[in-house]
PDB file of all heavy atoms in Angstrom:
ATOM      1  N   CYS A   1      -3.769   0.455  -8.076  1.00  0.00           N
ATOM      2  CA  CYS A   1      -2.583   1.269  -7.835  1.00  0.00           C
ATOM      3  C   CYS A   1      -1.541   0.875  -8.864  1.00  0.00           C
ATOM      4  O   CYS A   1      -1.007  -0.245  -8.817  1.00  0.00           O
ATOM      5  CB  CYS A   1      -2.056   1.058  -6.418  1.00  0.00           C
ATOM      6  SG  CYS A   1      -0.441   1.804  -6.108  1.00  0.00           S
ATOM      7  N   LEU A   2      -1.254   1.777  -9.791  1.00  0.00           N
ATOM      8  CA  LEU A   2      -0.253   1.539 -10.817  1.00  0.00           C
ATOM      9  C   LEU A   2       1.080   2.105 -10.347  1.00  0.00           C
ATOM     10  O   LEU A   2       1.182   3.299 -10.049  1.00  0.00           O
ATOM     11  CB  LEU A   2      -0.672   2.186 -12.134  1.00  0.00           C
ATOM     12  CG  LEU A   2       0.321   2.072 -13.292  1.00  0.00           C
ATOM     13  CD1 LEU A   2       0.568   0.622 -13.666  1.00  0.00           C
ATOM     14  CD2 LEU A   2      -0.176   2.867 -14.489  1.00  0.00           C
ATOM     15  N   ALA A   3       2.094   1.255 -10.289  1.00  0.00           N
ATOM     16  CA  ALA A   3       3.412   1.637  -9.797  1.00  0.00           C
ATOM     17  C   ALA A   3       4.405   1.744 -10.946  1.00  0.00           C
ATOM     18  O   ALA A   3       4.336   0.999 -11.924  1.00  0.00           O
ATOM     19  CB  ALA A   3       3.917   0.615  -8.779  1.00  0.00           C
ATOM     20  N   SER A   4       5.353   2.661 -10.801  1.00  0.00           N
ATOM     21  CA  SER A   4       6.411   2.809 -11.789  1.00  0.00           C
ATOM     22  C   SER A   4       7.643   3.395 -11.122  1.00  0.00           C
ATOM     23  O   SER A   4       7.574   3.967 -10.043  1.00  0.00           O
ATOM     24  CB  SER A   4       5.967   3.697 -12.962  1.00  0.00           C
ATOM     25  OG  SER A   4       5.635   5.001 -12.519  1.00  0.00           O
ATOM     26  N   GLY A   5       8.781   3.239 -11.774  1.00  0.00           N
ATOM     27  CA  GLY A   5      10.012   3.827 -11.292  1.00  0.00           C
ATOM     28  C   GLY A   5      10.810   2.972 -10.322  1.00  0.00           C
ATOM     29  O   GLY A   5      11.819   3.447  -9.784  1.00  0.00           O
ATOM     30  N   PHE A   6      10.382   1.749 -10.096  1.00  0.00           N
ATOM     31  CA  PHE A   6      11.115   0.848  -9.214  1.00  0.00           C
ATOM     32  C   PHE A   6      10.732  -0.590  -9.521  1.00  0.00           C
ATOM     33  O   PHE A   6       9.782  -0.843 -10.264  1.00  0.00           O
ATOM     34  CB  PHE A   6      10.864   1.189  -7.742  1.00  0.00           C
ATOM     35  CG  PHE A   6       9.447   0.971  -7.288  1.00  0.00           C
ATOM     36  CD1 PHE A   6       9.083  -0.193  -6.624  1.00  0.00           C
ATOM     37  CD2 PHE A   6       8.480   1.929  -7.507  1.00  0.00           C
ATOM     38  CE1 PHE A   6       7.780  -0.391  -6.188  1.00  0.00           C
ATOM     39  CE2 PHE A   6       7.170   1.743  -7.082  1.00  0.00           C
ATOM     40  CZ  PHE A   6       6.826   0.585  -6.417  1.00  0.00           C
ATOM     41  N   GLY A   7      11.478  -1.505  -8.946  1.00  0.00           N
ATOM     42  CA  GLY A   7      11.193  -2.921  -9.135  1.00  0.00           C
ATOM     43  C   GLY A   7      10.020  -3.361  -8.287  1.00  0.00           C
ATOM     44  O   GLY A   7      10.189  -3.794  -7.143  1.00  0.00           O
ATOM     45  N   PHE A   8       8.837  -3.276  -8.846  1.00  0.00           N
ATOM     46  CA  PHE A   8       7.598  -3.470  -8.098  1.00  0.00           C
ATOM     47  C   PHE A   8       7.563  -4.816  -7.381  1.00  0.00           C
ATOM     48  O   PHE A   8       7.130  -4.903  -6.226  1.00  0.00           O
ATOM     49  CB  PHE A   8       6.417  -3.330  -9.063  1.00  0.00           C
ATOM     50  CG  PHE A   8       5.069  -3.525  -8.436  1.00  0.00           C
ATOM     51  CD1 PHE A   8       4.554  -2.590  -7.560  1.00  0.00           C
ATOM     52  CD2 PHE A   8       4.320  -4.640  -8.736  1.00  0.00           C
ATOM     53  CE1 PHE A   8       3.313  -2.760  -6.987  1.00  0.00           C
ATOM     54  CE2 PHE A   8       3.067  -4.829  -8.179  1.00  0.00           C
ATOM     55  CZ  PHE A   8       2.567  -3.883  -7.301  1.00  0.00           C
ATOM     56  N   SER A   9       7.994  -5.855  -8.037  1.00  0.00           N
ATOM     57  CA  SER A   9       7.893  -7.198  -7.477  1.00  0.00           C
ATOM     58  C   SER A   9       8.813  -7.426  -6.285  1.00  0.00           C
ATOM     59  O   SER A   9       8.680  -8.442  -5.599  1.00  0.00           O
ATOM     60  CB  SER A   9       8.191  -8.245  -8.557  1.00  0.00           C
ATOM     61  OG  SER A   9       9.536  -8.150  -8.996  1.00  0.00           O
ATOM     62  N   LYS A  10       9.717  -6.506  -6.007  1.00  0.00           N
ATOM     63  CA  LYS A  10      10.650  -6.649  -4.897  1.00  0.00           C
ATOM     64  C   LYS A  10      10.149  -6.018  -3.607  1.00  0.00           C
ATOM     65  O   LYS A  10      10.853  -6.057  -2.599  1.00  0.00           O
ATOM     66  CB  LYS A  10      12.004  -6.037  -5.266  1.00  0.00           C
ATOM     67  CG  LYS A  10      12.706  -6.738  -6.422  1.00  0.00           C
ATOM     68  CD  LYS A  10      14.060  -6.117  -6.687  1.00  0.00           C
ATOM     69  CE  LYS A  10      14.781  -6.820  -7.820  1.00  0.00           C
ATOM     70  NZ  LYS A  10      16.117  -6.214  -8.079  1.00  0.00           N
ATOM     71  N   TYR A  11       8.939  -5.454  -3.615  1.00  0.00           N
ATOM     72  CA  TYR A  11       8.453  -4.708  -2.462  1.00  0.00           C
ATOM     73  C   TYR A  11       7.107  -5.195  -1.978  1.00  0.00           C
ATOM     74  O   TYR A  11       6.187  -5.430  -2.774  1.00  0.00           O
ATOM     75  CB  TYR A  11       8.335  -3.217  -2.799  1.00  0.00           C
ATOM     76  CG  TYR A  11       9.668  -2.524  -2.933  1.00  0.00           C
ATOM     77  CD1 TYR A  11      10.336  -2.489  -4.145  1.00  0.00           C
ATOM     78  CD2 TYR A  11      10.257  -1.915  -1.826  1.00  0.00           C
ATOM     79  CE1 TYR A  11      11.571  -1.870  -4.261  1.00  0.00           C
ATOM     80  CE2 TYR A  11      11.484  -1.290  -1.942  1.00  0.00           C
ATOM     81  CZ  TYR A  11      12.135  -1.267  -3.157  1.00  0.00           C
ATOM     82  OH  TYR A  11      13.354  -0.641  -3.271  1.00  0.00           O
ATOM     83  N   THR A  12       7.005  -5.349  -0.662  1.00  0.00           N
ATOM     84  CA  THR A  12       5.710  -5.404  -0.014  1.00  0.00           C
ATOM     85  C   THR A  12       4.968  -4.091  -0.264  1.00  0.00           C
ATOM     86  O   THR A  12       5.582  -3.023  -0.328  1.00  0.00           O
ATOM     87  CB  THR A  12       5.897  -5.626   1.498  1.00  0.00           C
ATOM     88  OG1 THR A  12       6.410  -6.946   1.714  1.00  0.00           O
ATOM     89  CG2 THR A  12       4.592  -5.470   2.256  1.00  0.00           C
ATOM     90  N   MET A  13       3.648  -4.163  -0.420  1.00  0.00           N
ATOM     91  CA  MET A  13       2.832  -2.982  -0.687  1.00  0.00           C
ATOM     92  C   MET A  13       1.636  -2.953   0.260  1.00  0.00           C
ATOM     93  O   MET A  13       1.202  -3.991   0.767  1.00  0.00           O
ATOM     94  CB  MET A  13       2.337  -2.984  -2.131  1.00  0.00           C
ATOM     95  CG  MET A  13       3.432  -2.931  -3.183  1.00  0.00           C
ATOM     96  SD  MET A  13       4.277  -1.328  -3.249  1.00  0.00           S
ATOM     97  CE  MET A  13       2.948  -0.262  -3.816  1.00  0.00           C
ATOM     98  N   SER A  14       1.091  -1.748   0.468  1.00  0.00           N
ATOM     99  CA  SER A  14      -0.013  -1.572   1.404  1.00  0.00           C
ATOM    100  C   SER A  14      -1.057  -0.606   0.866  1.00  0.00           C
ATOM    101  O   SER A  14      -0.761   0.249   0.029  1.00  0.00           O
ATOM    102  CB  SER A  14       0.478  -1.034   2.752  1.00  0.00           C
ATOM    103  OG  SER A  14       1.336  -1.957   3.397  1.00  0.00           O
ATOM    104  N   TRP A  15      -2.276  -0.761   1.375  1.00  0.00           N
ATOM    105  CA  TRP A  15      -3.345   0.220   1.226  1.00  0.00           C
ATOM    106  C   TRP A  15      -3.627   0.855   2.584  1.00  0.00           C
ATOM    107  O   TRP A  15      -3.742   0.146   3.594  1.00  0.00           O
ATOM    108  CB  TRP A  15      -4.637  -0.418   0.708  1.00  0.00           C
ATOM    109  CG  TRP A  15      -4.638  -0.776  -0.738  1.00  0.00           C
ATOM    110  CD1 TRP A  15      -4.440  -2.004  -1.282  1.00  0.00           C
ATOM    111  CD2 TRP A  15      -4.883   0.111  -1.834  1.00  0.00           C
ATOM    112  NE1 TRP A  15      -4.535  -1.951  -2.649  1.00  0.00           N
ATOM    113  CE2 TRP A  15      -4.808  -0.657  -3.017  1.00  0.00           C
ATOM    114  CE3 TRP A  15      -5.154   1.475  -1.942  1.00  0.00           C
ATOM    115  CZ2 TRP A  15      -4.992  -0.110  -4.284  1.00  0.00           C
ATOM    116  CZ3 TRP A  15      -5.335   2.022  -3.202  1.00  0.00           C
ATOM    117  CH2 TRP A  15      -5.258   1.236  -4.349  1.00  0.00           C
ATOM    118  N   TYR A  16      -3.741   2.174   2.593  1.00  0.00           N
ATOM    119  CA  TYR A  16      -4.185   2.940   3.744  1.00  0.00           C
ATOM    120  C   TYR A  16      -5.451   3.693   3.387  1.00  0.00           C
ATOM    121  O   TYR A  16      -5.775   3.871   2.211  1.00  0.00           O
ATOM    122  CB  TYR A  16      -3.130   3.957   4.172  1.00  0.00           C
ATOM    123  CG  TYR A  16      -1.981   3.423   4.998  1.00  0.00           C
ATOM    124  CD1 TYR A  16      -0.958   2.693   4.417  1.00  0.00           C
ATOM    125  CD2 TYR A  16      -1.916   3.688   6.366  1.00  0.00           C
ATOM    126  CE1 TYR A  16       0.105   2.230   5.170  1.00  0.00           C
ATOM    127  CE2 TYR A  16      -0.853   3.225   7.124  1.00  0.00           C
ATOM    128  CZ  TYR A  16       0.151   2.503   6.522  1.00  0.00           C
ATOM    129  OH  TYR A  16       1.209   2.047   7.275  1.00  0.00           O
ATOM    130  N   ARG A  17      -6.154   4.179   4.410  1.00  0.00           N
ATOM    131  CA  ARG A  17      -7.272   5.075   4.171  1.00  0.00           C
ATOM    132  C   ARG A  17      -7.321   6.127   5.274  1.00  0.00           C
ATOM    133  O   ARG A  17      -6.842   5.912   6.382  1.00  0.00           O
ATOM    134  CB  ARG A  17      -8.593   4.323   4.093  1.00  0.00           C
ATOM    135  CG  ARG A  17      -9.041   3.684   5.399  1.00  0.00           C
ATOM    136  CD  ARG A  17     -10.313   2.872   5.180  1.00  0.00           C
ATOM    137  NE  ARG A  17     -10.800   2.272   6.411  1.00  0.00           N
ATOM    138  CZ  ARG A  17     -11.808   1.427   6.491  1.00  0.00           C
ATOM    139  NH1 ARG A  17     -12.465   1.078   5.374  1.00  0.00           N
ATOM    140  NH2 ARG A  17     -12.190   0.933   7.661  1.00  0.00           N
ATOM    141  N   GLN A  18      -7.925   7.261   4.942  1.00  0.00           N
ATOM    142  CA  GLN A  18      -8.099   8.328   5.903  1.00  0.00           C
ATOM    143  C   GLN A  18      -9.478   8.946   5.721  1.00  0.00           C
ATOM    144  O   GLN A  18      -9.774   9.513   4.669  1.00  0.00           O
ATOM    145  CB  GLN A  18      -7.024   9.398   5.756  1.00  0.00           C
ATOM    146  CG  GLN A  18      -7.050  10.438   6.861  1.00  0.00           C
ATOM    147  CD  GLN A  18      -5.786  11.269   6.913  1.00  0.00           C
ATOM    148  OE1 GLN A  18      -5.099  11.435   5.910  1.00  0.00           O
ATOM    149  NE2 GLN A  18      -5.475  11.788   8.082  1.00  0.00           N
ATOM    150  N   ALA A  19     -10.298   8.822   6.756  1.00  0.00           N
ATOM    151  CA  ALA A  19     -11.625   9.399   6.761  1.00  0.00           C
ATOM    152  C   ALA A  19     -11.558  10.819   7.317  1.00  0.00           C
ATOM    153  O   ALA A  19     -10.622  11.171   8.036  1.00  0.00           O
ATOM    154  CB  ALA A  19     -12.573   8.547   7.599  1.00  0.00           C
ATOM    155  N   PRO A  20     -12.554  11.659   7.007  1.00  0.00           N
ATOM    156  CA  PRO A  20     -12.551  13.029   7.523  1.00  0.00           C
ATOM    157  C   PRO A  20     -12.452  13.067   9.043  1.00  0.00           C
ATOM    158  O   PRO A  20     -13.211  12.388   9.741  1.00  0.00           O
ATOM    159  CB  PRO A  20     -13.887  13.590   7.043  1.00  0.00           C
ATOM    160  CG  PRO A  20     -14.215  12.784   5.829  1.00  0.00           C
ATOM    161  CD  PRO A  20     -13.704  11.404   6.125  1.00  0.00           C
ATOM    162  N   GLY A  21     -11.504  13.833   9.549  1.00  0.00           N
ATOM    163  CA  GLY A  21     -11.321  13.978  10.979  1.00  0.00           C
ATOM    164  C   GLY A  21     -10.702  12.796  11.678  1.00  0.00           C
ATOM    165  O   GLY A  21     -10.630  12.784  12.912  1.00  0.00           O
ATOM    166  N   LYS A  22     -10.247  11.800  10.930  1.00  0.00           N
ATOM    167  CA  LYS A  22      -9.684  10.590  11.515  1.00  0.00           C
ATOM    168  C   LYS A  22      -8.212  10.450  11.145  1.00  0.00           C
ATOM    169  O   LYS A  22      -7.726  11.059  10.190  1.00  0.00           O
ATOM    170  CB  LYS A  22     -10.440   9.350  11.034  1.00  0.00           C
ATOM    171  CG  LYS A  22     -11.937   9.388  11.268  1.00  0.00           C
ATOM    172  CD  LYS A  22     -12.279   9.348  12.739  1.00  0.00           C
ATOM    173  CE  LYS A  22     -13.786   9.285  12.935  1.00  0.00           C
ATOM    174  NZ  LYS A  22     -14.149   9.268  14.368  1.00  0.00           N
ATOM    175  N   GLU A  23      -7.521   9.625  11.915  1.00  0.00           N
ATOM    176  CA  GLU A  23      -6.133   9.309  11.605  1.00  0.00           C
ATOM    177  C   GLU A  23      -6.058   8.332  10.441  1.00  0.00           C
ATOM    178  O   GLU A  23      -6.985   7.557  10.190  1.00  0.00           O
ATOM    179  CB  GLU A  23      -5.442   8.709  12.822  1.00  0.00           C
ATOM    180  CG  GLU A  23      -5.253   9.677  13.972  1.00  0.00           C
ATOM    181  CD  GLU A  23      -4.303  10.798  13.620  1.00  0.00           C
ATOM    182  OE1 GLU A  23      -3.213  10.523  13.086  1.00  0.00           O
ATOM    183  OE2 GLU A  23      -4.655  11.964  13.874  1.00  0.00           O
ATOM    184  N   ARG A  24      -4.959   8.370   9.730  1.00  0.00           N
ATOM    185  CA  ARG A  24      -4.739   7.437   8.639  1.00  0.00           C
ATOM    186  C   ARG A  24      -4.630   6.018   9.192  1.00  0.00           C
ATOM    187  O   ARG A  24      -3.940   5.773  10.185  1.00  0.00           O
ATOM    188  CB  ARG A  24      -3.487   7.821   7.860  1.00  0.00           C
ATOM    189  CG  ARG A  24      -3.289   7.030   6.579  1.00  0.00           C
ATOM    190  CD  ARG A  24      -2.218   7.663   5.702  1.00  0.00           C
ATOM    191  NE  ARG A  24      -2.623   8.981   5.220  1.00  0.00           N
ATOM    192  CZ  ARG A  24      -1.928   9.699   4.338  1.00  0.00           C
ATOM    193  NH1 ARG A  24      -0.791   9.226   3.844  1.00  0.00           N
ATOM    194  NH2 ARG A  24      -2.363  10.882   3.964  1.00  0.00           N
ATOM    195  N   GLU A  25      -5.299   5.076   8.530  1.00  0.00           N
ATOM    196  CA  GLU A  25      -5.428   3.711   8.997  1.00  0.00           C
ATOM    197  C   GLU A  25      -4.859   2.740   7.975  1.00  0.00           C
ATOM    198  O   GLU A  25      -5.162   2.834   6.783  1.00  0.00           O
ATOM    199  CB  GLU A  25      -6.909   3.381   9.246  1.00  0.00           C
ATOM    200  CG  GLU A  25      -7.200   1.931   9.603  1.00  0.00           C
ATOM    201  CD  GLU A  25      -8.683   1.615   9.605  1.00  0.00           C
ATOM    202  OE1 GLU A  25      -9.456   2.358   8.971  1.00  0.00           O
ATOM    203  OE2 GLU A  25      -9.076   0.620  10.257  1.00  0.00           O
ATOM    204  N   LEU A  26      -4.056   1.799   8.434  1.00  0.00           N
ATOM    205  CA  LEU A  26      -3.574   0.728   7.571  1.00  0.00           C
ATOM    206  C   LEU A  26      -4.717  -0.239   7.305  1.00  0.00           C
ATOM    207  O   LEU A  26      -5.291  -0.810   8.234  1.00  0.00           O
ATOM    208  CB  LEU A  26      -2.403   0.002   8.220  1.00  0.00           C
ATOM    209  CG  LEU A  26      -1.839  -1.211   7.474  1.00  0.00           C
ATOM    210  CD1 LEU A  26      -1.307  -0.817   6.098  1.00  0.00           C
ATOM    211  CD2 LEU A  26      -0.742  -1.883   8.295  1.00  0.00           C
ATOM    212  N   VAL A  27      -5.036  -0.443   6.035  1.00  0.00           N
ATOM    213  CA  VAL A  27      -6.155  -1.289   5.636  1.00  0.00           C
ATOM    214  C   VAL A  27      -5.702  -2.706   5.323  1.00  0.00           C
ATOM    215  O   VAL A  27      -6.304  -3.678   5.786  1.00  0.00           O
ATOM    216  CB  VAL A  27      -6.880  -0.691   4.415  1.00  0.00           C
ATOM    217  CG1 VAL A  27      -7.976  -1.631   3.912  1.00  0.00           C
ATOM    218  CG2 VAL A  27      -7.459   0.673   4.763  1.00  0.00           C
ATOM    219  N   ALA A  28      -4.653  -2.842   4.520  1.00  0.00           N
ATOM    220  CA  ALA A  28      -4.205  -4.160   4.083  1.00  0.00           C
ATOM    221  C   ALA A  28      -2.783  -4.082   3.582  1.00  0.00           C
ATOM    222  O   ALA A  28      -2.327  -3.042   3.111  1.00  0.00           O
ATOM    223  CB  ALA A  28      -5.122  -4.717   2.987  1.00  0.00           C
ATOM    224  N   THR A  29      -2.081  -5.211   3.662  1.00  0.00           N
ATOM    225  CA  THR A  29      -0.704  -5.322   3.210  1.00  0.00           C
ATOM    226  C   THR A  29      -0.540  -6.632   2.449  1.00  0.00           C
ATOM    227  O   THR A  29      -1.158  -7.641   2.805  1.00  0.00           O
ATOM    228  CB  THR A  29       0.267  -5.287   4.403  1.00  0.00           C
ATOM    229  OG1 THR A  29       0.158  -4.024   5.066  1.00  0.00           O
ATOM    230  CG2 THR A  29       1.707  -5.473   3.955  1.00  0.00           C
ATOM    231  N   ILE A  30       0.285  -6.613   1.420  1.00  0.00           N
ATOM    232  CA  ILE A  30       0.521  -7.801   0.612  1.00  0.00           C
ATOM    233  C   ILE A  30       2.016  -7.966   0.377  1.00  0.00           C
ATOM    234  O   ILE A  30       2.732  -6.997   0.118  1.00  0.00           O
ATOM    235  CB  ILE A  30      -0.266  -7.726  -0.718  1.00  0.00           C
ATOM    236  CG1 ILE A  30      -0.157  -9.041  -1.493  1.00  0.00           C
ATOM    237  CG2 ILE A  30       0.190  -6.542  -1.562  1.00  0.00           C
ATOM    238  CD1 ILE A  30      -1.166  -9.147  -2.626  1.00  0.00           C
ATOM    239  N   SER A  31       2.488  -9.205   0.457  1.00  0.00           N
ATOM    240  CA  SER A  31       3.903  -9.501   0.292  1.00  0.00           C
ATOM    241  C   SER A  31       4.310  -9.409  -1.175  1.00  0.00           C
ATOM    242  O   SER A  31       3.475  -9.269  -2.073  1.00  0.00           O
ATOM    243  CB  SER A  31       4.221 -10.890   0.842  1.00  0.00           C
ATOM    244  OG  SER A  31       3.517 -11.890   0.128  1.00  0.00           O
ATOM    245  N   GLU A  32       5.601  -9.526  -1.412  1.00  0.00           N
ATOM    246  CA  GLU A  32       6.144  -9.315  -2.759  1.00  0.00           C
ATOM    247  C   GLU A  32       5.522 -10.224  -3.812  1.00  0.00           C
ATOM    248  O   GLU A  32       5.210  -9.779  -4.926  1.00  0.00           O
ATOM    249  CB  GLU A  32       7.662  -9.515  -2.750  1.00  0.00           C
ATOM    250  CG  GLU A  32       8.429  -8.463  -1.965  1.00  0.00           C
ATOM    251  CD  GLU A  32       8.611  -8.818  -0.497  1.00  0.00           C
ATOM    252  OE1 GLU A  32       7.772  -9.562   0.061  1.00  0.00           O
ATOM    253  OE2 GLU A  32       9.603  -8.347   0.094  1.00  0.00           O
ATOM    254  N   SER A  33       5.355 -11.485  -3.466  1.00  0.00           N
ATOM    255  CA  SER A  33       4.790 -12.454  -4.399  1.00  0.00           C
ATOM    256  C   SER A  33       3.272 -12.518  -4.359  1.00  0.00           C
ATOM    257  O   SER A  33       2.661 -13.186  -5.193  1.00  0.00           O
ATOM    258  CB  SER A  33       5.352 -13.845  -4.108  1.00  0.00           C
ATOM    259  OG  SER A  33       4.896 -14.318  -2.857  1.00  0.00           O
ATOM    260  N   GLY A  34       2.670 -11.864  -3.384  1.00  0.00           N
ATOM    261  CA  GLY A  34       1.233 -11.928  -3.200  1.00  0.00           C
ATOM    262  C   GLY A  34       0.767 -13.083  -2.337  1.00  0.00           C
ATOM    263  O   GLY A  34      -0.435 -13.240  -2.122  1.00  0.00           O
TER     264      GLY A  34
END
């Protein structure tokens, strides 16, 4: 995931996924420093 337009290191980030016919699911989250 390539980010631009903001101070990337200042934000927690997440991955989600959505399978066919399913609700969007939070997969993983990472803090600002990792």
